[in-house]
PDB file of all heavy atoms in Angstrom:
ATOM      1  N   LEU A   1      85.314 123.487  95.563  1.00  0.00           N
ATOM      2  CA  LEU A   1      85.564 123.502  94.121  1.00  0.00           C
ATOM      3  C   LEU A   1      84.735 122.468  93.377  1.00  0.00           C
ATOM      4  O   LEU A   1      84.545 122.563  92.160  1.00  0.00           O
ATOM      5  CB  LEU A   1      87.050 123.251  93.841  1.00  0.00           C
ATOM      6  CG  LEU A   1      88.034 124.325  94.310  1.00  0.00           C
ATOM      7  CD1 LEU A   1      89.456 123.892  94.012  1.00  0.00           C
ATOM      8  CD2 LEU A   1      87.736 125.669  93.650  1.00  0.00           C
ATOM      9  N   GLY A   2      84.279 121.446  94.085  1.00  0.00           N
ATOM     10  CA  GLY A   2      83.486 120.397  93.459  1.00  0.00           C
ATOM     11  C   GLY A   2      84.312 119.441  92.620  1.00  0.00           C
ATOM     12  O   GLY A   2      83.791 118.838  91.672  1.00  0.00           O
ATOM     13  N   ILE A   3      85.588 119.297  92.952  1.00  0.00           N
ATOM     14  CA  ILE A   3      86.466 118.375  92.224  1.00  0.00           C
ATOM     15  C   ILE A   3      87.318 117.592  93.220  1.00  0.00           C
ATOM     16  O   ILE A   3      87.447 117.978  94.382  1.00  0.00           O
ATOM     17  CB  ILE A   3      87.404 119.098  91.237  1.00  0.00           C
ATOM     18  CG1 ILE A   3      88.376 120.017  92.010  1.00  0.00           C
ATOM     19  CG2 ILE A   3      86.635 119.868  90.189  1.00  0.00           C
ATOM     20  CD1 ILE A   3      89.498 120.595  91.160  1.00  0.00           C
ATOM     21  N   THR A   4      87.872 116.479  92.732  1.00  0.00           N
ATOM     22  CA  THR A   4      88.859 115.748  93.519  1.00  0.00           C
ATOM     23  C   THR A   4      90.236 116.240  93.119  1.00  0.00           C
ATOM     24  O   THR A   4      90.622 116.161  91.954  1.00  0.00           O
ATOM     25  CB  THR A   4      88.750 114.230  93.268  1.00  0.00           C
ATOM     26  OG1 THR A   4      87.452 113.793  93.662  1.00  0.00           O
ATOM     27  CG2 THR A   4      89.809 113.477  94.062  1.00  0.00           C
ATOM     28  N   ILE A   5      90.977 116.754  94.089  1.00  0.00           N
ATOM     29  CA  ILE A   5      92.316 117.280  93.818  1.00  0.00           C
ATOM     30  C   ILE A   5      93.361 116.202  94.004  1.00  0.00           C
ATOM     31  O   ILE A   5      94.299 116.085  93.213  1.00  0.00           O
ATOM     32  CB  ILE A   5      92.618 118.476  94.736  1.00  0.00           C
ATOM     33  CG1 ILE A   5      91.639 119.611  94.437  1.00  0.00           C
ATOM     34  CG2 ILE A   5      94.056 118.955  94.553  1.00  0.00           C
ATOM     35  CD1 ILE A   5      91.792 120.797  95.370  1.00  0.00           C
ATOM     36  N   LEU A   6      93.184 115.379  95.060  1.00  0.00           N
ATOM     37  CA  LEU A   6      94.161 114.354  95.389  1.00  0.00           C
ATOM     38  C   LEU A   6      93.477 113.000  95.535  1.00  0.00           C
ATOM     39  O   LEU A   6      92.459 112.886  96.230  1.00  0.00           O
ATOM     40  CB  LEU A   6      94.884 114.690  96.695  1.00  0.00           C
ATOM     41  CG  LEU A   6      95.665 116.001  96.756  1.00  0.00           C
ATOM     42  CD1 LEU A   6      96.180 116.245  98.162  1.00  0.00           C
ATOM     43  CD2 LEU A   6      96.817 115.997  95.758  1.00  0.00           C
ATOM     44  N   ASN A   7      94.014 112.002  94.887  1.00  0.00           N
ATOM     45  CA  ASN A   7      93.580 110.627  95.124  1.00  0.00           C
ATOM     46  C   ASN A   7      94.444 110.053  96.230  1.00  0.00           C
ATOM     47  O   ASN A   7      95.672 110.050  96.136  1.00  0.00           O
ATOM     48  CB  ASN A   7      93.730 109.786  93.849  1.00  0.00           C
ATOM     49  CG  ASN A   7      92.673 110.131  92.820  1.00  0.00           C
ATOM     50  OD1 ASN A   7      91.530 110.412  93.173  1.00  0.00           O
ATOM     51  ND2 ASN A   7      93.039 110.106  91.544  1.00  0.00           N
ATOM     52  N   ARG A   8      93.819 109.564  97.310  1.00  0.00           N
ATOM     53  CA  ARG A   8      94.558 109.055  98.448  1.00  0.00           C
ATOM     54  C   ARG A   8      94.693 107.549  98.357  1.00  0.00           C
ATOM     55  O   ARG A   8      93.726 106.850  98.024  1.00  0.00           O
ATOM     56  CB  ARG A   8      93.855 109.387  99.772  1.00  0.00           C
ATOM     57  CG  ARG A   8      93.846 110.849 100.184  1.00  0.00           C
ATOM     58  CD  ARG A   8      92.786 111.640  99.506  1.00  0.00           C
ATOM     59  NE  ARG A   8      92.358 112.800 100.302  1.00  0.00           N
ATOM     60  CZ  ARG A   8      91.632 113.778  99.798  1.00  0.00           C
ATOM     61  NH1 ARG A   8      91.265 113.758  98.524  1.00  0.00           N
ATOM     62  NH2 ARG A   8      91.266 114.780 100.573  1.00  0.00           N
ATOM     63  N   THR A   9      95.878 107.058  98.668  1.00  0.00           N
ATOM     64  CA  THR A   9      96.085 105.626  98.855  1.00  0.00           C
ATOM     65  C   THR A   9      96.710 105.458 100.241  1.00  0.00           C
ATOM     66  O   THR A   9      96.984 106.437 100.932  1.00  0.00           O
ATOM     67  CB  THR A   9      97.029 105.035  97.785  1.00  0.00           C
ATOM     68  OG1 THR A   9      98.359 105.531  98.004  1.00  0.00           O
ATOM     69  CG2 THR A   9      96.572 105.412  96.392  1.00  0.00           C
ATOM     70  N   THR A  10      96.917 104.241 100.636  1.00  0.00           N
ATOM     71  CA  THR A  10      97.496 103.997 101.965  1.00  0.00           C
ATOM     72  C   THR A  10      98.956 104.444 102.030  1.00  0.00           C
ATOM     73  O   THR A  10      99.477 104.678 103.117  1.00  0.00           O
ATOM     74  CB  THR A  10      97.417 102.506 102.326  1.00  0.00           C
ATOM     75  OG1 THR A  10      98.056 101.746 101.296  1.00  0.00           O
ATOM     76  CG2 THR A  10      95.970 102.071 102.467  1.00  0.00           C
ATOM     77  N   ARG A  11      99.611 104.579 100.880  1.00  0.00           N
ATOM     78  CA  ARG A  11     101.041 104.886 100.884  1.00  0.00           C
ATOM     79  C   ARG A  11     101.364 106.292 100.394  1.00  0.00           C
ATOM     80  O   ARG A  11     102.385 106.854 100.753  1.00  0.00           O
ATOM     81  CB  ARG A  11     101.800 103.873 100.018  1.00  0.00           C
ATOM     82  CG  ARG A  11     101.660 102.441 100.512  1.00  0.00           C
ATOM     83  CD  ARG A  11     102.448 101.470  99.659  1.00  0.00           C
ATOM     84  NE  ARG A  11     103.869 101.769  99.675  1.00  0.00           N
ATOM     85  CZ  ARG A  11     104.771 101.118  98.950  1.00  0.00           C
ATOM     86  NH1 ARG A  11     104.391 100.134  98.153  1.00  0.00           N
ATOM     87  NH2 ARG A  11     106.047 101.438  99.032  1.00  0.00           N
ATOM     88  N   ARG A  12     100.517 106.888  99.556  1.00  0.00           N
ATOM     89  CA  ARG A  12     100.850 108.189  98.998  1.00  0.00           C
ATOM     90  C   ARG A  12      99.624 108.890  98.460  1.00  0.00           C
ATOM     91  O   ARG A  12      98.526 108.320  98.430  1.00  0.00           O
ATOM     92  CB  ARG A  12     101.878 108.041  97.874  1.00  0.00           C
ATOM     93  CG  ARG A  12     101.381 107.212  96.715  1.00  0.00           C
ATOM     94  CD  ARG A  12     102.445 107.057  95.650  1.00  0.00           C
ATOM     95  NE  ARG A  12     101.963 106.311  94.495  1.00  0.00           N
ATOM     96  CZ  ARG A  12     102.223 106.629  93.235  1.00  0.00           C
ATOM     97  NH1 ARG A  12     102.940 107.694  92.972  1.00  0.00           N
ATOM     98  NH2 ARG A  12     101.765 105.898  92.241  1.00  0.00           N
ATOM     99  N   VAL A  13      99.798 110.147  98.069  1.00  0.00           N
ATOM    100  CA  VAL A  13      98.733 110.900  97.423  1.00  0.00           C
ATOM    101  C   VAL A  13      99.152 111.204  95.991  1.00  0.00           C
ATOM    102  O   VAL A  13     100.331 111.432  95.713  1.00  0.00           O
ATOM    103  CB  VAL A  13      98.429 112.209  98.182  1.00  0.00           C
ATOM    104  CG1 VAL A  13      97.859 111.915  99.554  1.00  0.00           C
ATOM    105  CG2 VAL A  13      99.665 113.083  98.282  1.00  0.00           C
ATOM    106  N   VAL A  14      98.183 111.165  95.076  1.00  0.00           N
ATOM    107  CA  VAL A  14      98.447 111.400  93.661  1.00  0.00           C
ATOM    108  C   VAL A  14      97.516 112.502  93.174  1.00  0.00           C
ATOM    109  O   VAL A  14      96.304 112.459  93.430  1.00  0.00           O
ATOM    110  CB  VAL A  14      98.234 110.123  92.827  1.00  0.00           C
ATOM    111  CG1 VAL A  14      98.502 110.397  91.349  1.00  0.00           C
ATOM    112  CG2 VAL A  14      99.125 108.998  93.338  1.00  0.00           C
ATOM    113  N   GLN A  15      98.060 113.471  92.476  1.00  0.00           N
ATOM    114  CA  GLN A  15      97.247 114.565  91.963  1.00  0.00           C
ATOM    115  C   GLN A  15      96.402 114.094  90.776  1.00  0.00           C
ATOM    116  O   GLN A  15      96.891 113.371  89.905  1.00  0.00           O
ATOM    117  CB  GLN A  15      98.143 115.712  91.505  1.00  0.00           C
ATOM    118  CG  GLN A  15      99.029 116.304  92.569  1.00  0.00           C
ATOM    119  CD  GLN A  15      99.980 117.335  92.006  1.00  0.00           C
ATOM    120  OE1 GLN A  15      99.583 118.220  91.255  1.00  0.00           O
ATOM    121  NE2 GLN A  15     101.250 117.225  92.368  1.00  0.00           N
ATOM    122  N   THR A  16      95.160 114.511  90.739  1.00  0.00           N
ATOM    123  CA  THR A  16      94.331 114.298  89.560  1.00  0.00           C
ATOM    124  C   THR A  16      94.733 115.329  88.507  1.00  0.00           C
ATOM    125  O   THR A  16      95.452 116.293  88.791  1.00  0.00           O
ATOM    126  CB  THR A  16      92.848 114.463  89.896  1.00  0.00           C
ATOM    127  OG1 THR A  16      92.609 115.824  90.310  1.00  0.00           O
ATOM    128  CG2 THR A  16      92.430 113.511  91.019  1.00  0.00           C
ATOM    129  N   ASP A  17      94.245 115.165  87.276  1.00  0.00           N
ATOM    130  CA  ASP A  17      94.554 116.131  86.222  1.00  0.00           C
ATOM    131  C   ASP A  17      94.032 117.512  86.585  1.00  0.00           C
ATOM    132  O   ASP A  17      94.731 118.526  86.417  1.00  0.00           O
ATOM    133  CB  ASP A  17      93.954 115.674  84.891  1.00  0.00           C
ATOM    134  CG  ASP A  17      94.671 114.447  84.335  1.00  0.00           C
ATOM    135  OD1 ASP A  17      95.829 114.207  84.747  1.00  0.00           O
ATOM    136  OD2 ASP A  17      94.076 113.736  83.508  1.00  0.00           O
ATOM    137  N   GLU A  18      92.786 117.564  87.082  1.00  0.00           N
ATOM    138  CA  GLU A  18      92.221 118.853  87.493  1.00  0.00           C
ATOM    139  C   GLU A  18      92.992 119.425  88.668  1.00  0.00           C
ATOM    140  O   GLU A  18      93.243 120.631  88.754  1.00  0.00           O
ATOM    141  CB  GLU A  18      90.741 118.694  87.871  1.00  0.00           C
ATOM    142  CG  GLU A  18      89.834 118.279  86.740  1.00  0.00           C
ATOM    143  CD  GLU A  18      89.766 116.762  86.598  1.00  0.00           C
ATOM    144  OE1 GLU A  18      90.571 116.052  87.260  1.00  0.00           O
ATOM    145  OE2 GLU A  18      88.906 116.298  85.828  1.00  0.00           O
ATOM    146  N   GLY A  19      93.372 118.529  89.605  1.00  0.00           N
ATOM    147  CA  GLY A  19      94.118 118.967  90.770  1.00  0.00           C
ATOM    148  C   GLY A  19      95.469 119.531  90.411  1.00  0.00           C
ATOM    149  O   GLY A  19      95.911 120.546  90.966  1.00  0.00           O
ATOM    150  N   ARG A  20      96.138 118.901  89.462  1.00  0.00           N
ATOM    151  CA  ARG A  20      97.474 119.364  89.060  1.00  0.00           C
ATOM    152  C   ARG A  20      97.397 120.775  88.481  1.00  0.00           C
ATOM    153  O   ARG A  20      98.225 121.639  88.804  1.00  0.00           O
ATOM    154  CB  ARG A  20      98.066 118.398  88.043  1.00  0.00           C
ATOM    155  CG  ARG A  20      99.512 118.721  87.658  1.00  0.00           C
ATOM    156  CD  ARG A  20     100.100 117.668  86.741  1.00  0.00           C
ATOM    157  NE  ARG A  20     100.222 116.382  87.403  1.00  0.00           N
ATOM    158  CZ  ARG A  20      99.410 115.334  87.205  1.00  0.00           C
ATOM    159  NH1 ARG A  20      98.400 115.450  86.329  1.00  0.00           N
ATOM    160  NH2 ARG A  20      99.585 114.213  87.855  1.00  0.00           N
ATOM    161  N   GLN A  21      96.408 121.010  87.655  1.00  0.00           N
ATOM    162  CA  GLN A  21      96.243 122.334  87.056  1.00  0.00           C
ATOM    163  C   GLN A  21      95.951 123.386  88.135  1.00  0.00           C
ATOM    164  O   GLN A  21      96.512 124.486  88.120  1.00  0.00           O
ATOM    165  CB  GLN A  21      95.103 122.298  86.029  1.00  0.00           C
ATOM    166  CG  GLN A  21      94.881 123.616  85.299  1.00  0.00           C
ATOM    167  CD  GLN A  21      93.766 123.508  84.264  1.00  0.00           C
ATOM    168  OE1 GLN A  21      93.174 122.443  84.074  1.00  0.00           O
ATOM    169  NE2 GLN A  21      93.468 124.609  83.606  1.00  0.00           N
ATOM    170  N   PHE A  22      95.082 123.039  89.068  1.00  0.00           N
ATOM    171  CA  PHE A  22      94.724 123.967  90.146  1.00  0.00           C
ATOM    172  C   PHE A  22      95.931 124.247  91.043  1.00  0.00           C
ATOM    173  O   PHE A  22      96.206 125.400  91.404  1.00  0.00           O
ATOM    174  CB  PHE A  22      93.571 123.380  90.968  1.00  0.00           C
ATOM    175  CG  PHE A  22      93.176 124.220  92.152  1.00  0.00           C
ATOM    176  CD1 PHE A  22      92.524 125.429  91.976  1.00  0.00           C
ATOM    177  CD2 PHE A  22      93.472 123.803  93.445  1.00  0.00           C
ATOM    178  CE1 PHE A  22      92.160 126.221  93.066  1.00  0.00           C
ATOM    179  CE2 PHE A  22      93.116 124.576  94.537  1.00  0.00           C
ATOM    180  CZ  PHE A  22      92.455 125.783  94.345  1.00  0.00           C
ATOM    181  N   ILE A  23      96.682 123.208  91.383  1.00  0.00           N
ATOM    182  CA  ILE A  23      97.833 123.364  92.281  1.00  0.00           C
ATOM    183  C   ILE A  23      98.912 124.231  91.650  1.00  0.00           C
ATOM    184  O   ILE A  23      99.519 125.071  92.322  1.00  0.00           O
ATOM    185  CB  ILE A  23      98.388 121.972  92.661  1.00  0.00           C
ATOM    186  CG1 ILE A  23      97.417 121.286  93.634  1.00  0.00           C
ATOM    187  CG2 ILE A  23      99.775 122.077  93.286  1.00  0.00           C
ATOM    188  CD1 ILE A  23      97.651 119.818  93.809  1.00  0.00           C
ATOM    189  N   GLU A  24      99.153 124.071  90.356  1.00  0.00           N
ATOM    190  CA  GLU A  24     100.148 124.905  89.681  1.00  0.00           C
ATOM    191  C   GLU A  24      99.749 126.371  89.738  1.00  0.00           C
ATOM    192  O   GLU A  24     100.588 127.253  89.976  1.00  0.00           O
ATOM    193  CB  GLU A  24     100.309 124.451  88.225  1.00  0.00           C
ATOM    194  CG  GLU A  24     101.013 123.108  88.076  1.00  0.00           C
ATOM    195  CD  GLU A  24     101.068 122.638  86.633  1.00  0.00           C
ATOM    196  OE1 GLU A  24     100.518 123.348  85.762  1.00  0.00           O
ATOM    197  OE2 GLU A  24     101.649 121.570  86.376  1.00  0.00           O
ATOM    198  N   ALA A  25      98.447 126.650  89.534  1.00  0.00           N
ATOM    199  CA  ALA A  25      97.964 128.026  89.584  1.00  0.00           C
ATOM    200  C   ALA A  25      98.062 128.585  90.999  1.00  0.00           C
ATOM    201  O   ALA A  25      98.435 129.746  91.201  1.00  0.00           O
ATOM    202  CB  ALA A  25      96.525 128.097  89.080  1.00  0.00           C
ATOM    203  N   VAL A  26      97.728 127.747  91.986  1.00  0.00           N
ATOM    204  CA  VAL A  26      97.812 128.178  93.388  1.00  0.00           C
ATOM    205  C   VAL A  26      99.256 128.499  93.757  1.00  0.00           C
ATOM    206  O   VAL A  26      99.538 129.502  94.420  1.00  0.00           O
ATOM    207  CB  VAL A  26      97.249 127.086  94.326  1.00  0.00           C
ATOM    208  CG1 VAL A  26      97.623 127.370  95.775  1.00  0.00           C
ATOM    209  CG2 VAL A  26      95.736 126.994  94.185  1.00  0.00           C
ATOM    210  N   ARG A  27     100.179 127.660  93.318  1.00  0.00           N
ATOM    211  CA  ARG A  27     101.582 127.871  93.657  1.00  0.00           C
ATOM    212  C   ARG A  27     102.078 129.221  93.128  1.00  0.00           C
ATOM    213  O   ARG A  27     102.749 129.982  93.833  1.00  0.00           O
ATOM    214  CB  ARG A  27     102.436 126.740  93.092  1.00  0.00           C
ATOM    215  CG  ARG A  27     103.850 126.715  93.648  1.00  0.00           C
ATOM    216  CD  ARG A  27     104.685 125.626  93.006  1.00  0.00           C
ATOM    217  NE  ARG A  27     104.153 124.292  93.197  1.00  0.00           N
ATOM    218  CZ  ARG A  27     104.292 123.596  94.319  1.00  0.00           C
ATOM    219  NH1 ARG A  27     104.924 124.115  95.349  1.00  0.00           N
ATOM    220  NH2 ARG A  27     103.791 122.373  94.411  1.00  0.00           N
ATOM    221  N   VAL A  28     101.727 129.520  91.889  1.00  0.00           N
ATOM    222  CA  VAL A  28     102.139 130.792  91.301  1.00  0.00           C
ATOM    223  C   VAL A  28     101.476 131.956  92.021  1.00  0.00           C
ATOM    224  O   VAL A  28     102.119 132.958  92.368  1.00  0.00           O
ATOM    225  CB  VAL A  28     101.806 130.825  89.791  1.00  0.00           C
ATOM    226  CG1 VAL A  28     102.046 132.217  89.219  1.00  0.00           C
ATOM    227  CG2 VAL A  28     102.631 129.794  89.037  1.00  0.00           C
ATOM    228  N   GLY A  29     100.174 131.824  92.267  1.00  0.00           N
ATOM    229  CA  GLY A  29      99.431 132.913  92.903  1.00  0.00           C
ATOM    230  C   GLY A  29      99.926 133.220  94.308  1.00  0.00           C
ATOM    231  O   GLY A  29     100.145 134.381  94.656  1.00  0.00           O
ATOM    232  N   LEU A  30     100.108 132.192  95.120  1.00  0.00           N
ATOM    233  CA  LEU A  30     100.589 132.406  96.487  1.00  0.00           C
ATOM    234  C   LEU A  30     101.996 132.980  96.499  1.00  0.00           C
ATOM    235  O   LEU A  30     102.319 133.844  97.335  1.00  0.00           O
ATOM    236  CB  LEU A  30     100.555 131.096  97.273  1.00  0.00           C
ATOM    237  CG  LEU A  30      99.180 130.586  97.709  1.00  0.00           C
ATOM    238  CD1 LEU A  30      99.322 129.271  98.460  1.00  0.00           C
ATOM    239  CD2 LEU A  30      98.464 131.614  98.570  1.00  0.00           C
ATOM    240  N   SER A  31     102.846 132.519  95.580  1.00  0.00           N
ATOM    241  CA  SER A  31     104.203 133.046  95.516  1.00  0.00           C
ATOM    242  C   SER A  31     104.196 134.535  95.178  1.00  0.00           C
ATOM    243  O   SER A  31     104.970 135.318  95.744  1.00  0.00           O
ATOM    244  CB  SER A  31     105.020 132.282  94.471  1.00  0.00           C
ATOM    245  OG  SER A  31     105.224 130.950  94.868  1.00  0.00           O
ATOM    246  N   GLN A  32     103.318 134.929  94.267  1.00  0.00           N
ATOM    247  CA  GLN A  32     103.238 136.344  93.900  1.00  0.00           C
ATOM    248  C   GLN A  32     102.742 137.184  95.066  1.00  0.00           C
ATOM    249  O   GLN A  32     103.243 138.293  95.308  1.00  0.00           O
ATOM    250  CB  GLN A  32     102.321 136.509  92.684  1.00  0.00           C
ATOM    251  CG  GLN A  32     102.928 135.953  91.398  1.00  0.00           C
ATOM    252  CD  GLN A  32     101.968 136.000  90.226  1.00  0.00           C
ATOM    253  OE1 GLN A  32     100.757 136.104  90.394  1.00  0.00           O
ATOM    254  NE2 GLN A  32     102.514 135.923  89.026  1.00  0.00           N
ATOM    255  N   ILE A  33     101.751 136.668  95.809  1.00  0.00           N
ATOM    256  CA  ILE A  33     101.249 137.392  96.978  1.00  0.00           C
ATOM    257  C   ILE A  33     102.333 137.515  98.043  1.00  0.00           C
ATOM    258  O   ILE A  33     102.562 138.591  98.602  1.00  0.00           O
ATOM    259  CB  ILE A  33     100.009 136.675  97.560  1.00  0.00           C
ATOM    260  CG1 ILE A  33      98.837 136.769  96.580  1.00  0.00           C
ATOM    261  CG2 ILE A  33      99.614 137.277  98.906  1.00  0.00           C
ATOM    262  CD1 ILE A  33      97.655 135.904  96.965  1.00  0.00           C
TER     263      ILE A  33
END
């Protein structure tokens, strides 16, 4: 995709703004399939 979806730290992962939008779309799409 050419984007960073998740920012990694030693304790957790945080969604980027672009990642959050992509993940929401993926969640809906996979659920429909």
